């Protein structure tokens, strides 16, 4: 595969989307394409290439609030 599927702007995003879809297939989701391949990663790649997998970018997680420092030494 020399060209990226539609709506996927990088190889890294492609790998992420395919891996997430493959996880869904392993957990029992039905394939959206008829495939000659038995491996879920290949089936997921075919689905992404056919633009059958819907995805969107999520907003980044909010930064965890800092935990205030606790003085563990005895005070006298």
C-alpha atoms as a PDB file:
ATOM      1  CA  UNK A   1       0.000   0.000   0.000  1.00  0.00           C
ATOM      2  CA  UNK A   2       1.723   3.139  -1.183  1.00  0.00           C
ATOM      3  CA  UNK A   3      -1.113   5.603  -0.702  1.00  0.00           C
ATOM      4  CA  UNK A   4      -2.968   6.489   2.487  1.00  0.00           C
ATOM      5  CA  UNK A   5      -6.718   5.904   2.668  1.00  0.00           C
ATOM      6  CA  UNK A   6      -9.103   8.857   2.459  1.00  0.00           C
ATOM      7  CA  UNK A   7      -9.341  11.049   5.576  1.00  0.00           C
ATOM      8  CA  UNK A   8      -6.143   9.607   7.102  1.00  0.00           C
ATOM      9  CA  UNK A   9      -3.293  12.083   7.032  1.00  0.00           C
ATOM     10  CA  UNK A  10      -0.394  10.000   8.389  1.00  0.00           C
ATOM     11  CA  UNK A  11       0.881   6.461   8.636  1.00  0.00           C
ATOM     12  CA  UNK A  12       0.852   6.730  12.419  1.00  0.00           C
ATOM     13  CA  UNK A  13      -2.848   7.587  12.494  1.00  0.00           C
ATOM     14  CA  UNK A  14      -3.525   4.727  10.067  1.00  0.00           C
ATOM     15  CA  UNK A  15      -1.803   2.251  12.390  1.00  0.00           C
ATOM     16  CA  UNK A  16      -3.749   3.588  15.364  1.00  0.00           C
ATOM     17  CA  UNK A  17      -7.126   3.402  13.611  1.00  0.00           C
ATOM     18  CA  UNK A  18      -6.462  -0.097  12.250  1.00  0.00           C
ATOM     19  CA  UNK A  19      -5.313  -1.361  15.645  1.00  0.00           C
ATOM     20  CA  UNK A  20      -8.408   0.035  17.387  1.00  0.00           C
ATOM     21  CA  UNK A  21     -10.678  -1.553  14.766  1.00  0.00           C
ATOM     22  CA  UNK A  22      -8.801  -4.857  15.047  1.00  0.00           C
ATOM     23  CA  UNK A  23      -9.440  -4.798  18.806  1.00  0.00           C
ATOM     24  CA  UNK A  24     -13.150  -4.400  18.101  1.00  0.00           C
ATOM     25  CA  UNK A  25     -13.070  -7.359  15.707  1.00  0.00           C
ATOM     26  CA  UNK A  26     -11.283  -9.515  18.278  1.00  0.00           C
ATOM     27  CA  UNK A  27     -13.975  -8.637  20.815  1.00  0.00           C
ATOM     28  CA  UNK A  28     -16.690  -9.864  18.456  1.00  0.00           C
ATOM     29  CA  UNK A  29     -17.615  -6.984  16.138  1.00  0.00           C
ATOM     30  CA  UNK A  30     -18.778  -8.081  12.718  1.00  0.00           C
ATOM     31  CA  UNK A  31     -16.499  -7.316   9.769  1.00  0.00           C
ATOM     32  CA  UNK A  32     -17.788  -4.678   7.364  1.00  0.00           C
ATOM     33  CA  UNK A  33     -16.147  -6.302   4.329  1.00  0.00           C
ATOM     34  CA  UNK A  34     -15.891  -9.780   2.863  1.00  0.00           C
ATOM     35  CA  UNK A  35     -12.209 -10.639   3.114  1.00  0.00           C
ATOM     36  CA  UNK A  36     -10.019 -13.490   2.031  1.00  0.00           C
ATOM     37  CA  UNK A  37      -7.810 -12.788   5.048  1.00  0.00           C
ATOM     38  CA  UNK A  38      -8.267 -14.487   8.386  1.00  0.00           C
ATOM     39  CA  UNK A  39      -6.203 -12.063  10.486  1.00  0.00           C
ATOM     40  CA  UNK A  40      -8.193  -9.273  12.096  1.00  0.00           C
ATOM     41  CA  UNK A  41      -5.496  -6.693  11.375  1.00  0.00           C
ATOM     42  CA  UNK A  42      -5.741  -7.341   7.635  1.00  0.00           C
ATOM     43  CA  UNK A  43      -9.541  -7.203   7.755  1.00  0.00           C
ATOM     44  CA  UNK A  44      -9.382  -3.941   9.711  1.00  0.00           C
ATOM     45  CA  UNK A  45      -6.923  -2.494   7.174  1.00  0.00           C
ATOM     46  CA  UNK A  46      -9.273  -3.400   4.318  1.00  0.00           C
ATOM     47  CA  UNK A  47     -12.154  -1.716   6.141  1.00  0.00           C
ATOM     48  CA  UNK A  48     -10.157   1.472   6.691  1.00  0.00           C
ATOM     49  CA  UNK A  49      -8.977   1.486   3.074  1.00  0.00           C
ATOM     50  CA  UNK A  50     -12.595   1.166   1.923  1.00  0.00           C
ATOM     51  CA  UNK A  51     -13.495   4.150   4.181  1.00  0.00           C
ATOM     52  CA  UNK A  52     -15.960   2.023   6.164  1.00  0.00           C
ATOM     53  CA  UNK A  53     -14.558   2.816   9.601  1.00  0.00           C
ATOM     54  CA  UNK A  54     -15.770   6.082  11.106  1.00  0.00           C
ATOM     55  CA  UNK A  55     -13.425   7.852  13.496  1.00  0.00           C
ATOM     56  CA  UNK A  56     -12.798  11.300  14.867  1.00  0.00           C
ATOM     57  CA  UNK A  57     -10.113  13.047  16.813  1.00  0.00           C
ATOM     58  CA  UNK A  58     -10.949  13.573  20.434  1.00  0.00           C
ATOM     59  CA  UNK A  59      -9.902  16.549  22.457  1.00  0.00           C
ATOM     60  CA  UNK A  60      -6.846  15.976  24.620  1.00  0.00           C
ATOM     61  CA  UNK A  61      -7.365  14.839  28.174  1.00  0.00           C
ATOM     62  CA  UNK A  62      -7.367  17.713  30.647  1.00  0.00           C
ATOM     63  CA  UNK A  63      -4.183  17.880  32.668  1.00  0.00           C
ATOM     64  CA  UNK A  64      -4.468  16.194  36.019  1.00  0.00           C
ATOM     65  CA  UNK A  65      -4.590  18.670  38.855  1.00  0.00           C
ATOM     66  CA  UNK A  66      -1.422  18.743  40.815  1.00  0.00           C
ATOM     67  CA  UNK A  67      -1.529  17.040  44.155  1.00  0.00           C
ATOM     68  CA  UNK A  68      -0.271  19.391  46.830  1.00  0.00           C
ATOM     69  CA  UNK A  69       3.000  18.383  48.424  1.00  0.00           C
ATOM     70  CA  UNK A  70       2.651  16.772  51.832  1.00  0.00           C
ATOM     71  CA  UNK A  71       5.279  17.262  54.500  1.00  0.00           C
ATOM     72  CA  UNK A  72       6.001  13.809  55.892  1.00  0.00           C
ATOM     73  CA  UNK A  73       8.573  14.945  58.462  1.00  0.00           C
ATOM     74  CA  UNK A  74       7.382  15.407  62.032  1.00  0.00           C
ATOM     75  CA  UNK A  75       6.941  19.020  63.048  1.00  0.00           C
ATOM     76  CA  UNK A  76       8.082  20.108  66.504  1.00  0.00           C
END
